[in-house]
Protein backbone atom coordinates (compact mmCIF):
# COMPACT_ATOMS: atom_id res chain seq x y z
CA UNK A 1 2.02 -2.40 19.55
CA UNK A 2 1.33 -3.73 16.08
CA UNK A 3 0.46 -1.70 13.00
CA UNK A 4 -3.24 -2.56 13.26
CA UNK A 5 -3.39 -1.38 16.86
CA UNK A 6 -1.55 1.84 15.97
CA UNK A 7 -3.99 2.53 13.12
CA UNK A 8 -6.96 1.89 15.41
CA UNK A 9 -5.63 4.25 18.08
CA UNK A 10 -4.81 6.97 15.56
CA UNK A 11 -8.29 6.69 14.03
CA UNK A 12 -9.81 7.34 17.47
CA UNK A 13 -8.05 10.71 17.90
CA UNK A 14 -10.28 13.79 17.62
CA UNK A 15 -10.18 15.34 14.16
CA UNK A 16 -8.63 12.30 12.43
CA UNK A 17 -10.70 11.45 9.36
CA UNK A 18 -8.60 8.62 7.91
CA UNK A 19 -5.60 6.43 8.66
CA UNK A 20 -3.38 4.43 6.33
CA UNK A 21 0.24 3.32 6.02
CA UNK A 22 2.77 2.58 3.28
CA UNK A 23 6.11 0.78 3.57
CA UNK A 24 8.04 3.52 1.75
CA UNK A 25 7.05 6.55 -0.28
CA UNK A 26 7.32 6.73 -4.07
CA UNK A 27 10.20 8.75 -5.51
CA UNK A 28 12.26 8.57 -2.31
CA UNK A 29 15.92 7.73 -2.91
CA UNK A 30 16.07 4.96 -0.33
CA UNK A 31 16.40 1.19 -0.70
CA UNK A 32 13.16 -0.37 -1.91
CA UNK A 33 11.78 -3.75 -2.91
CA UNK A 34 12.49 -4.61 -6.54
CA UNK A 35 10.77 -7.32 -8.52
CA UNK A 36 12.12 -8.59 -11.81
CA UNK A 37 9.64 -9.68 -14.46
CA UNK A 38 9.35 -10.66 -18.12
CA UNK A 39 6.13 -10.55 -20.12
CA UNK A 40 7.08 -13.74 -21.94
CA UNK A 41 10.16 -15.86 -22.65
CA UNK A 42 11.22 -13.64 -25.56
CA UNK A 43 10.94 -10.21 -23.89
CA UNK A 44 13.67 -8.46 -22.03
CA UNK A 45 13.50 -8.44 -18.26
CA UNK A 46 12.02 -5.42 -16.52
CA UNK A 47 12.21 -4.22 -12.93
CA UNK A 48 9.26 -2.98 -10.88
CA UNK A 49 9.29 -1.54 -7.39
CA UNK A 50 6.82 -2.82 -4.82
CA UNK A 51 5.31 -1.36 -1.68
CA UNK A 52 3.26 -2.74 1.16
CA UNK A 53 0.18 -0.75 2.15
CA UNK A 54 -2.45 -0.96 4.85
CA UNK A 55 -6.19 -0.86 4.54
CA UNK A 56 -7.43 2.70 4.63
CA UNK A 57 -4.49 4.19 2.71
CA UNK A 58 -6.30 4.81 -0.58
CA UNK A 59 -9.41 6.16 1.16
CA UNK A 60 -7.27 8.48 3.31
CA UNK A 61 -5.46 9.78 0.22
CA UNK A 62 -8.77 10.36 -1.55
CA UNK A 63 -8.07 7.88 -4.35
CA UNK A 64 -11.08 7.48 -6.65
CA UNK A 65 -11.74 3.92 -7.78
CA UNK A 66 -12.34 3.41 -11.47
CA UNK A 67 -13.59 -0.11 -10.83
CA UNK A 68 -13.33 -2.80 -8.18
CA UNK A 69 -13.08 -2.18 -4.44
CA UNK A 70 -10.70 -1.06 -1.73
CA UNK A 71 -8.73 -3.58 0.37
CA UNK A 72 -10.26 -4.79 3.63
CA UNK A 73 -8.83 -6.09 6.91
CA UNK A 74 -10.25 -9.53 6.03
CA UNK A 75 -7.73 -10.02 3.21
CA UNK A 76 -4.39 -11.76 3.63
CA UNK A 77 -1.14 -11.33 1.68
CA UNK A 78 -0.45 -13.93 -0.98
């Protein structure tokens, strides 16, 4: 069963009001994905952590959008 199928089945359970997934939680002391970046050729390199999320995560967590829109199932990773 894939992640999309699992989300669909969970969403169908009585009492479930939202379903979303995240690859790993923030502030957990486990290995995570790190991305190195520099703002320009003269700045020092920084490190950012990255996470993969599913559609529905922000809505399930009650995140309020300031502008823009939530992700949809029609979008594909870059």
